[in-house]
C-alpha atoms as a PDB file:
ATOM      1  CA  MET A   1     166.274  97.158  93.712  1.00  0.00           C
ATOM      2  CA  THR A   2     166.374  94.591  90.929  1.00  0.00           C
ATOM      3  CA  THR A   3     163.370  93.063  89.228  1.00  0.00           C
ATOM      4  CA  THR A   4     164.135  89.735  90.894  1.00  0.00           C
ATOM      5  CA  ASP A   5     164.096  91.276  94.395  1.00  0.00           C
ATOM      6  CA  ALA A   6     160.789  93.023  93.671  1.00  0.00           C
ATOM      7  CA  GLY A   7     159.272  89.765  92.451  1.00  0.00           C
ATOM      8  CA  VAL A   8     160.417  87.919  95.581  1.00  0.00           C
ATOM      9  CA  ARG A   9     158.965  90.581  97.885  1.00  0.00           C
ATOM     10  CA  LEU A  10     155.682  90.621  95.948  1.00  0.00           C
ATOM     11  CA  LYS A  11     155.495  86.834  96.178  1.00  0.00           C
ATOM     12  CA  LYS A  12     156.075  86.922  99.952  1.00  0.00           C
ATOM     13  CA  LEU A  13     153.472  89.663 100.387  1.00  0.00           C
ATOM     14  CA  SER A  14     150.847  87.796  98.389  1.00  0.00           C
ATOM     15  CA  LYS A  15     151.621  84.574 100.253  1.00  0.00           C
ATOM     16  CA  GLY A  16     151.181  86.320 103.605  1.00  0.00           C
ATOM     17  CA  THR A  17     147.904  87.894 102.467  1.00  0.00           C
ATOM     18  CA  VAL A  18     146.570  84.550 101.277  1.00  0.00           C
ATOM     19  CA  GLY A  19     147.591  82.988 104.579  1.00  0.00           C
ATOM     20  CA  ARG A  20     145.747  85.640 106.590  1.00  0.00           C
ATOM     21  CA  VAL A  21     142.619  85.290 104.465  1.00  0.00           C
ATOM     22  CA  LYS A  22     142.734  81.503 104.859  1.00  0.00           C
ATOM     23  CA  SER A  23     143.170  81.861 108.628  1.00  0.00           C
ATOM     24  CA  ASN A  24     140.203  84.250 108.865  1.00  0.00           C
ATOM     25  CA  LEU A  25     138.000  81.902 106.831  1.00  0.00           C
ATOM     26  CA  GLU A  26     138.953  78.998 109.077  1.00  0.00           C
ATOM     27  CA  ALA A  27     138.093  81.089 112.143  1.00  0.00           C
ATOM     28  CA  LEU A  28     134.730  82.022 110.591  1.00  0.00           C
ATOM     29  CA  ASP A  29     134.031  78.364 109.878  1.00  0.00           C
ATOM     30  CA  GLY A  30     134.870  77.535 113.484  1.00  0.00           C
ATOM     31  CA  HIS A  31     132.426  80.147 114.806  1.00  0.00           C
ATOM     32  CA  VAL A  32     129.664  78.921 112.489  1.00  0.00           C
ATOM     33  CA  MET A  33     130.130  75.286 113.517  1.00  0.00           C
ATOM     34  CA  PHE A  34     130.229  76.283 117.184  1.00  0.00           C
ATOM     35  CA  GLY A  35     126.973  78.179 116.717  1.00  0.00           C
ATOM     36  CA  VAL A  36     125.383  75.131 115.094  1.00  0.00           C
ATOM     37  CA  LYS A  37     126.415  73.025 118.091  1.00  0.00           C
ATOM     38  CA  MET A  38     124.980  75.648 120.449  1.00  0.00           C
ATOM     39  CA  PHE A  39     121.607  75.537 118.695  1.00  0.00           C
ATOM     40  CA  ALA A  40     121.705  71.743 118.597  1.00  0.00           C
ATOM     41  CA  GLY A  41     122.174  71.709 122.390  1.00  0.00           C
ATOM     42  CA  ILE A  42     119.103  73.853 123.131  1.00  0.00           C
ATOM     43  CA  PRO A  43     116.675  70.878 123.460  1.00  0.00           C
ATOM     44  CA  LEU A  44     119.018  69.285 125.998  1.00  0.00           C
ATOM     45  CA  VAL A  45     119.195  72.556 127.919  1.00  0.00           C
ATOM     46  CA  LEU A  46     115.409  72.874 128.065  1.00  0.00           C
ATOM     47  CA  THR A  47     115.042  69.351 129.444  1.00  0.00           C
ATOM     48  CA  LYS A  48     118.013  68.976 131.817  1.00  0.00           C
ATOM     49  CA  TYR A  49     119.559  72.360 132.628  1.00  0.00           C
ATOM     50  CA  ARG A  50     116.589  74.636 133.335  1.00  0.00           C
ATOM     51  CA  LYS A  51     117.941  75.587 136.774  1.00  0.00           C
ATOM     52  CA  HIS A  52     121.203  76.728 135.230  1.00  0.00           C
ATOM     53  CA  VAL A  53     119.264  78.831 132.715  1.00  0.00           C
ATOM     54  CA  ILE A  54     117.389  80.561 135.553  1.00  0.00           C
ATOM     55  CA  THR A  55     120.688  81.274 137.298  1.00  0.00           C
ATOM     56  CA  GLU A  56     122.170  82.777 134.143  1.00  0.00           C
ATOM     57  CA  ILE A  57     119.054  84.897 133.594  1.00  0.00           C
ATOM     58  CA  GLY A  58     119.560  86.447 137.016  1.00  0.00           C
ATOM     59  CA  ASN A  59     123.260  87.009 136.404  1.00  0.00           C
ATOM     60  CA  ILE A  60     122.655  88.624 133.007  1.00  0.00           C
ATOM     61  CA  SER A  61     119.706  90.843 133.859  1.00  0.00           C
ATOM     62  CA  PHE A  62     120.436  92.086 137.406  1.00  0.00           C
ATOM     63  CA  GLY A  63     123.918  90.765 138.175  1.00  0.00           C
ATOM     64  CA  LYS A  64     125.391  90.337 141.630  1.00  0.00           C
ATOM     65  CA  ALA A  65     125.955  94.021 142.394  1.00  0.00           C
ATOM     66  CA  SER A  66     123.737  97.073 142.433  1.00  0.00           C
ATOM     67  CA  LEU A  67     122.559  98.667 139.206  1.00  0.00           C
ATOM     68  CA  LEU A  68     124.393 101.880 140.056  1.00  0.00           C
ATOM     69  CA  SER A  69     127.696 100.018 140.142  1.00  0.00           C
ATOM     70  CA  GLY A  70     127.051  98.370 136.783  1.00  0.00           C
ATOM     71  CA  GLY A  71     125.860  95.097 138.233  1.00  0.00           C
ATOM     72  CA  GLY A  72     122.945  94.620 135.854  1.00  0.00           C
ATOM     73  CA  THR A  73     122.442  94.715 132.116  1.00  0.00           C
ATOM     74  CA  ILE A  74     119.086  96.468 132.472  1.00  0.00           C
ATOM     75  CA  GLY A  75     120.650  99.588 133.964  1.00  0.00           C
ATOM     76  CA  VAL A  76     123.472  99.668 131.411  1.00  0.00           C
ATOM     77  CA  VAL A  77     121.140  99.291 128.413  1.00  0.00           C
ATOM     78  CA  ALA A  78     118.659 101.874 129.727  1.00  0.00           C
ATOM     79  CA  GLY A  79     121.409 104.368 130.544  1.00  0.00           C
ATOM     80  CA  MET A  80     123.116 104.096 127.175  1.00  0.00           C
ATOM     81  CA  ALA A  81     119.809 104.248 125.280  1.00  0.00           C
ATOM     82  CA  ILE A  82     118.740 107.388 127.162  1.00  0.00           C
ATOM     83  CA  VAL A  83     122.043 109.184 126.573  1.00  0.00           C
ATOM     84  CA  ALA A  84     122.081 108.259 122.869  1.00  0.00           C
ATOM     85  CA  ALA A  85     118.434 109.328 122.434  1.00  0.00           C
ATOM     86  CA  VAL A  86     119.118 112.706 124.039  1.00  0.00           C
ATOM     87  CA  MET A  87     122.044 113.439 121.730  1.00  0.00           C
ATOM     88  CA  VAL A  88     120.237 112.254 118.589  1.00  0.00           C
ATOM     89  CA  SER A  89     117.063 114.199 119.468  1.00  0.00           C
ATOM     90  CA  ILE A  90     119.010 117.420 119.908  1.00  0.00           C
ATOM     91  CA  GLU A  91     120.763 116.988 116.572  1.00  0.00           C
ATOM     92  CA  ILE A  92     117.540 116.024 114.767  1.00  0.00           C
ATOM     93  CA  HIS A  93     115.756 119.088 116.142  1.00  0.00           C
ATOM     94  CA  ARG A  94     118.685 121.288 115.167  1.00  0.00           C
ATOM     95  CA  ALA A  95     118.803 119.874 111.634  1.00  0.00           C
ATOM     96  CA  LEU A  96     115.041 120.221 111.124  1.00  0.00           C
ATOM     97  CA  GLY A  97     115.235 123.771 112.501  1.00  0.00           C
ATOM     98  CA  LEU A  98     117.459 124.753 109.574  1.00  0.00           C
ATOM     99  CA  LEU A  99     114.616 123.720 107.248  1.00  0.00           C
ATOM    100  CA  GLY A 100     111.805 125.105 109.388  1.00  0.00           C
ATOM    101  CA  PHE A 101     110.326 121.660 110.084  1.00  0.00           C
ATOM    102  CA  THR A 102     110.926 121.313 113.818  1.00  0.00           C
ATOM    103  CA  ALA A 103     107.334 120.114 114.238  1.00  0.00           C
ATOM    104  CA  LEU A 104     108.462 116.840 112.643  1.00  0.00           C
ATOM    105  CA  SER A 105     110.941 116.147 115.445  1.00  0.00           C
ATOM    106  CA  GLY A 106     108.625 113.566 116.996  1.00  0.00           C
ATOM    107  CA  LEU A 107     108.424 111.728 113.679  1.00  0.00           C
ATOM    108  CA  ALA A 108     112.170 111.652 113.156  1.00  0.00           C
ATOM    109  CA  GLY A 109     112.889 110.776 116.783  1.00  0.00           C
ATOM    110  CA  SER A 110     110.550 107.801 116.805  1.00  0.00           C
ATOM    111  CA  ILE A 111     111.857 106.427 113.505  1.00  0.00           C
ATOM    112  CA  ALA A 112     115.499 106.837 114.526  1.00  0.00           C
ATOM    113  CA  ASN A 113     114.975 105.184 117.919  1.00  0.00           C
ATOM    114  CA  THR A 114     112.830 102.293 116.715  1.00  0.00           C
ATOM    115  CA  GLN A 115     114.501 101.336 113.468  1.00  0.00           C
ATOM    116  CA  ALA A 116     118.190 101.810 114.184  1.00  0.00           C
ATOM    117  CA  LEU A 117     119.362 103.627 117.300  1.00  0.00           C
ATOM    118  CA  ALA A 118     117.791 101.571 120.114  1.00  0.00           C
ATOM    119  CA  PRO A 119     118.612  98.104 118.669  1.00  0.00           C
ATOM    120  CA  LEU A 120     122.224  99.077 118.010  1.00  0.00           C
ATOM    121  CA  ILE A 121     122.783 100.771 121.364  1.00  0.00           C
ATOM    122  CA  ALA A 122     121.197  97.878 123.271  1.00  0.00           C
ATOM    123  CA  SER A 123     123.258  95.330 121.354  1.00  0.00           C
ATOM    124  CA  LEU A 124     126.536  97.190 121.885  1.00  0.00           C
ATOM    125  CA  ALA A 125     125.787  97.534 125.594  1.00  0.00           C
ATOM    126  CA  ILE A 126     125.027  93.812 125.865  1.00  0.00           C
ATOM    127  CA  ALA A 127     128.159  92.934 123.907  1.00  0.00           C
ATOM    128  CA  ALA A 128     130.325  95.016 126.226  1.00  0.00           C
ATOM    129  CA  LYS A 129     128.575  93.986 129.452  1.00  0.00           C
ATOM    130  CA  VAL A 130     127.441  90.397 128.863  1.00  0.00           C
ATOM    131  CA  GLY A 131     129.537  89.222 125.928  1.00  0.00           C
ATOM    132  CA  THR A 132     132.853  89.932 127.613  1.00  0.00           C
ATOM    133  CA  GLY A 133     131.559  88.098 130.692  1.00  0.00           C
ATOM    134  CA  PHE A 134     130.754  85.035 128.586  1.00  0.00           C
ATOM    135  CA  THR A 135     134.229  85.038 127.054  1.00  0.00           C
ATOM    136  CA  ALA A 136     136.005  85.560 130.363  1.00  0.00           C
ATOM    137  CA  GLN A 137     133.972  82.878 132.164  1.00  0.00           C
ATOM    138  CA  LEU A 138     134.423  80.201 129.530  1.00  0.00           C
ATOM    139  CA  GLY A 139     138.026  81.215 128.887  1.00  0.00           C
ATOM    140  CA  SER A 140     138.959  80.896 132.555  1.00  0.00           C
ATOM    141  CA  MET A 141     137.286  77.487 132.648  1.00  0.00           C
ATOM    142  CA  ARG A 142     139.234  76.418 129.568  1.00  0.00           C
ATOM    143  CA  VAL A 143     142.667  77.459 130.837  1.00  0.00           C
ATOM    144  CA  SER A 144     141.977  75.891 134.251  1.00  0.00           C
ATOM    145  CA  GLU A 145     140.957  72.656 132.487  1.00  0.00           C
ATOM    146  CA  GLU A 146     137.432  72.707 133.929  1.00  0.00           C
ATOM    147  CA  ILE A 147     135.945  72.195 130.455  1.00  0.00           C
ATOM    148  CA  ASP A 148     138.194  69.173 129.931  1.00  0.00           C
ATOM    149  CA  ALA A 149     137.006  67.821 133.279  1.00  0.00           C
ATOM    150  CA  LEU A 150     133.350  68.177 132.156  1.00  0.00           C
ATOM    151  CA  ASP A 151     134.112  66.227 128.979  1.00  0.00           C
ATOM    152  CA  VAL A 152     135.825  63.486 130.974  1.00  0.00           C
ATOM    153  CA  LEU A 153     132.795  63.237 133.289  1.00  0.00           C
ATOM    154  CA  GLY A 154     130.517  62.805 130.279  1.00  0.00           C
ATOM    155  CA  VAL A 155     128.839  66.224 130.598  1.00  0.00           C
ATOM    156  CA  PRO A 156     128.325  67.810 127.153  1.00  0.00           C
ATOM    157  CA  SER A 157     130.321  70.986 127.643  1.00  0.00           C
ATOM    158  CA  ILE A 158     128.943  73.081 124.789  1.00  0.00           C
ATOM    159  CA  PRO A 159     125.241  72.670 125.771  1.00  0.00           C
ATOM    160  CA  PHE A 160     126.051  72.943 129.498  1.00  0.00           C
ATOM    161  CA  LEU A 161     128.148  76.095 129.137  1.00  0.00           C
ATOM    162  CA  ALA A 162     127.315  77.834 125.852  1.00  0.00           C
ATOM    163  CA  SER A 163     123.762  76.784 124.998  1.00  0.00           C
ATOM    164  CA  VAL A 164     122.600  77.597 128.540  1.00  0.00           C
ATOM    165  CA  ARG A 165     123.913  81.138 128.131  1.00  0.00           C
ATOM    166  CA  MET A 166     122.286  81.518 124.725  1.00  0.00           C
ATOM    167  CA  VAL A 167     118.879  80.404 126.038  1.00  0.00           C
ATOM    168  CA  ALA A 168     119.206  82.809 128.983  1.00  0.00           C
ATOM    169  CA  MET A 169     120.114  85.606 126.576  1.00  0.00           C
ATOM    170  CA  LEU A 170     117.081  84.892 124.375  1.00  0.00           C
ATOM    171  CA  VAL A 171     114.784  84.877 127.413  1.00  0.00           C
ATOM    172  CA  ILE A 172     115.850  88.249 128.799  1.00  0.00           C
ATOM    173  CA  ILE A 173     116.705  90.161 125.623  1.00  0.00           C
ATOM    174  CA  ALA A 174     113.161  91.325 124.798  1.00  0.00           C
ATOM    175  CA  PRO A 175     112.314  92.695 128.284  1.00  0.00           C
ATOM    176  CA  VAL A 176     115.714  94.359 128.617  1.00  0.00           C
ATOM    177  CA  TYR A 177     115.341  95.906 125.172  1.00  0.00           C
ATOM    178  CA  MET A 178     111.840  97.173 125.998  1.00  0.00           C
ATOM    179  CA  VAL A 179     113.244  99.009 129.018  1.00  0.00           C
ATOM    180  CA  GLY A 180     115.938 100.609 126.872  1.00  0.00           C
ATOM    181  CA  LEU A 181     113.506 101.534 124.085  1.00  0.00           C
ATOM    182  CA  LEU A 182     111.048 103.052 126.567  1.00  0.00           C
ATOM    183  CA  GLY A 183     113.872 105.076 128.084  1.00  0.00           C
ATOM    184  CA  ALA A 184     114.847 106.316 124.609  1.00  0.00           C
ATOM    185  CA  TYR A 185     111.258 107.351 123.840  1.00  0.00           C
ATOM    186  CA  LEU A 186     110.853 109.213 127.124  1.00  0.00           C
ATOM    187  CA  ALA A 187     114.240 110.905 126.789  1.00  0.00           C
ATOM    188  CA  SER A 188     113.459 112.092 123.247  1.00  0.00           C
ATOM    189  CA  ARG A 189     110.109 113.539 124.314  1.00  0.00           C
ATOM    190  CA  LEU A 190     111.627 115.214 127.381  1.00  0.00           C
ATOM    191  CA  VAL A 191     114.321 116.891 125.320  1.00  0.00           C
ATOM    192  CA  ILE A 192     112.169 118.041 122.399  1.00  0.00           C
ATOM    193  CA  VAL A 193     109.047 119.073 124.338  1.00  0.00           C
ATOM    194  CA  ASN A 194     110.268 120.182 127.760  1.00  0.00           C
ATOM    195  CA  MET A 195     113.753 121.456 126.901  1.00  0.00           C
ATOM    196  CA  LEU A 196     113.418 122.697 123.314  1.00  0.00           C
ATOM    197  CA  GLY A 197     109.846 123.948 123.631  1.00  0.00           C
ATOM    198  CA  GLU A 198     108.010 122.059 120.914  1.00  0.00           C
ATOM    199  CA  SER A 199     104.270 121.448 121.234  1.00  0.00           C
ATOM    200  CA  SER A 200     103.492 118.233 123.080  1.00  0.00           C
ATOM    201  CA  GLY A 201     100.371 117.610 120.971  1.00  0.00           C
ATOM    202  CA  THR A 202     102.273 117.976 117.703  1.00  0.00           C
ATOM    203  CA  TYR A 203     105.076 115.765 118.960  1.00  0.00           C
ATOM    204  CA  ASP A 204     102.684 113.025 120.104  1.00  0.00           C
ATOM    205  CA  TYR A 205     100.713 113.153 116.837  1.00  0.00           C
ATOM    206  CA  TYR A 206     103.729 112.634 114.584  1.00  0.00           C
ATOM    207  CA  PHE A 207     105.234 110.137 117.009  1.00  0.00           C
ATOM    208  CA  ARG A 208     102.157 107.915 116.844  1.00  0.00           C
ATOM    209  CA  GLN A 209     101.986 108.192 113.055  1.00  0.00           C
ATOM    210  CA  SER A 210     105.378 106.544 112.633  1.00  0.00           C
ATOM    211  CA  ILE A 211     104.905 103.689 115.127  1.00  0.00           C
ATOM    212  CA  THR A 212     103.283 100.517 113.786  1.00  0.00           C
ATOM    213  CA  PRO A 213     103.181  96.974 115.217  1.00  0.00           C
ATOM    214  CA  GLU A 214     105.099  95.759 112.181  1.00  0.00           C
ATOM    215  CA  PHE A 215     107.994  98.180 112.643  1.00  0.00           C
ATOM    216  CA  PHE A 216     108.027  97.528 116.376  1.00  0.00           C
ATOM    217  CA  ALA A 217     108.248  93.761 115.766  1.00  0.00           C
ATOM    218  CA  TYR A 218     111.107  94.336 113.306  1.00  0.00           C
ATOM    219  CA  SER A 219     112.943  96.329 115.960  1.00  0.00           C
ATOM    220  CA  VAL A 220     112.641  93.505 118.495  1.00  0.00           C
ATOM    221  CA  LEU A 221     113.624  90.930 115.864  1.00  0.00           C
ATOM    222  CA  MET A 222     116.820  92.868 115.077  1.00  0.00           C
ATOM    223  CA  THR A 223     117.771  92.880 118.745  1.00  0.00           C
ATOM    224  CA  VAL A 224     117.136  89.140 119.065  1.00  0.00           C
ATOM    225  CA  ILE A 225     119.360  88.437 116.037  1.00  0.00           C
ATOM    226  CA  PHE A 226     122.079  90.675 117.481  1.00  0.00           C
ATOM    227  CA  SER A 227     121.896  88.823 120.805  1.00  0.00           C
ATOM    228  CA  ILE A 228     122.367  85.485 119.035  1.00  0.00           C
ATOM    229  CA  ILE A 229     125.438  86.900 117.274  1.00  0.00           C
ATOM    230  CA  ILE A 230     126.826  88.099 120.612  1.00  0.00           C
ATOM    231  CA  ALA A 231     126.255  84.759 122.338  1.00  0.00           C
ATOM    232  CA  VAL A 232     127.784  82.687 119.531  1.00  0.00           C
ATOM    233  CA  ILE A 233     130.893  84.792 118.968  1.00  0.00           C
ATOM    234  CA  CYS A 234     131.700  85.501 122.621  1.00  0.00           C
ATOM    235  CA  CYS A 235     131.086  81.918 123.795  1.00  0.00           C
ATOM    236  CA  SER A 236     133.127  80.569 120.871  1.00  0.00           C
ATOM    237  CA  TYR A 237     136.148  82.726 121.685  1.00  0.00           C
ATOM    238  CA  GLY A 238     135.931  81.861 125.370  1.00  0.00           C
ATOM    239  CA  TYR A 239     135.452  78.138 124.796  1.00  0.00           C
ATOM    240  CA  ASN A 240     138.487  77.976 122.483  1.00  0.00           C
ATOM    241  CA  ALA A 241     140.730  80.336 124.489  1.00  0.00           C
ATOM    242  CA  GLY A 242     144.252  79.304 125.360  1.00  0.00           C
ATOM    243  CA  GLY A 243     147.537  80.669 126.625  1.00  0.00           C
ATOM    244  CA  GLY A 244     146.659  81.233 130.266  1.00  0.00           C
ATOM    245  CA  PRO A 245     145.134  84.431 131.706  1.00  0.00           C
ATOM    246  CA  GLU A 246     146.819  86.520 129.015  1.00  0.00           C
ATOM    247  CA  GLY A 247     145.170  84.424 126.332  1.00  0.00           C
ATOM    248  CA  VAL A 248     141.782  84.865 127.986  1.00  0.00           C
ATOM    249  CA  GLY A 249     142.259  88.643 127.938  1.00  0.00           C
ATOM    250  CA  ARG A 250     143.192  88.576 124.262  1.00  0.00           C
ATOM    251  CA  ALA A 251     140.180  86.377 123.515  1.00  0.00           C
ATOM    252  CA  ALA A 252     137.838  88.812 125.292  1.00  0.00           C
ATOM    253  CA  GLY A 253     139.197  91.784 123.358  1.00  0.00           C
ATOM    254  CA  THR A 254     139.016  89.971 120.039  1.00  0.00           C
ATOM    255  CA  ALA A 255     135.482  88.777 120.795  1.00  0.00           C
ATOM    256  CA  VAL A 256     134.253  92.315 121.466  1.00  0.00           C
ATOM    257  CA  ARG A 257     135.861  93.699 118.306  1.00  0.00           C
ATOM    258  CA  THR A 258     134.492  90.877 116.175  1.00  0.00           C
ATOM    259  CA  THR A 259     131.043  91.212 117.706  1.00  0.00           C
ATOM    260  CA  ILE A 260     130.830  94.962 117.122  1.00  0.00           C
ATOM    261  CA  LEU A 261     131.923  94.612 113.486  1.00  0.00           C
ATOM    262  CA  THR A 262     129.496  91.733 112.864  1.00  0.00           C
ATOM    263  CA  ILE A 263     126.603  93.619 114.450  1.00  0.00           C
ATOM    264  CA  ALA A 264     127.345  96.685 112.304  1.00  0.00           C
ATOM    265  CA  LEU A 265     127.292  94.608 109.120  1.00  0.00           C
ATOM    266  CA  ALA A 266     124.183  92.713 110.230  1.00  0.00           C
ATOM    267  CA  ALA A 267     122.421  95.988 111.095  1.00  0.00           C
ATOM    268  CA  MET A 268     123.027  97.369 107.614  1.00  0.00           C
ATOM    269  CA  VAL A 269     121.619  94.223 105.990  1.00  0.00           C
ATOM    270  CA  LEU A 270     118.633  93.979 108.358  1.00  0.00           C
ATOM    271  CA  ILE A 271     117.630  97.649 108.100  1.00  0.00           C
ATOM    272  CA  PHE A 272     117.540  97.518 104.316  1.00  0.00           C
ATOM    273  CA  GLY A 273     115.999  94.038 104.299  1.00  0.00           C
ATOM    274  CA  LEU A 274     113.232  94.720 106.830  1.00  0.00           C
ATOM    275  CA  TYR A 275     112.394  98.362 106.145  1.00  0.00           C
ATOM    276  CA  GLY A 276     113.301  98.516 102.456  1.00  0.00           C
ATOM    277  CA  LEU A 277     115.427 100.903 100.436  1.00  0.00           C
ATOM    278  CA  THR A 278     112.566 103.407 100.015  1.00  0.00           C
ATOM    279  CA  PRO A 279     111.674 105.414 103.164  1.00  0.00           C
ATOM    280  CA  THR A 280     108.131 104.860 104.403  1.00  0.00           C
ATOM    281  CA  ILE A 281     106.063 106.835 106.925  1.00  0.00           C
ATOM    282  CA  PRO A 282     102.869 104.997 107.879  1.00  0.00           C
ATOM    283  CA  GLY A 283      99.699 107.060 108.247  1.00  0.00           C
ATOM    284  CA  MET A 284     100.987 110.035 106.223  1.00  0.00           C
ATOM    285  CA  GLY A 285     100.578 108.733 102.699  1.00  0.00           C
ATOM    286  CA  LEU A 286     104.308 108.073 102.323  1.00  0.00           C
ATOM    287  CA  GLU A 287     104.280 104.297 101.956  1.00  0.00           C
END
């Protein structure tokens, strides 16, 4: 290979890389602008489309099928939170057992569930259950030209379709998350106390020491921010889908991947930003 050929290949490679970066930045700008339009449409939703919000709340929280068949977000979030809490509690107890500190299992379990595990699990469950539904619904409306018909009729499509779903998500996210967090707490206590034989009094004492209203509010705030990310990204991909049913499927897959990556990055920033870089344990002098 000559020097000229190597230079040509390097030039093509750099050009392709620059093109991909430019395309990704344009896509990011599109999502941000779509999110701004969604927020701008919230006042219109609260004044004109309240019935549609109520309908979406029912579809998101309980769905049209039974909870056992995956019809509702509440059952999915609670189930995933319980399973994750059981696995994490077992591993925390096992790790503390190596150091002889198994009495602190309640402390570690409550911190892990409240500050990181429950918000992430709930958000991933909502992204997979609700986010894909948003993308598929709006994508099917786009490819069947229903969104174009709304624009022709003078109905603002972004507030009517996307902002309504965001408002419904914000209304139900806190109650749904509370159910999942409660399930995680109960599952952790069941595993550590009833299955692994730790003292219930010791577990409850350390559990209460690490729970404060401030940390609890931070946990709910993280979940609300994650739900906004899910609504914006998934509605944006669905609203701008194209290429027929195949394009809608690709949009749904891309939306889920983008949402999961964005939530992971946001979780890292929020955990350090809200709880700080230095570990704190309220009520035990470690603050």
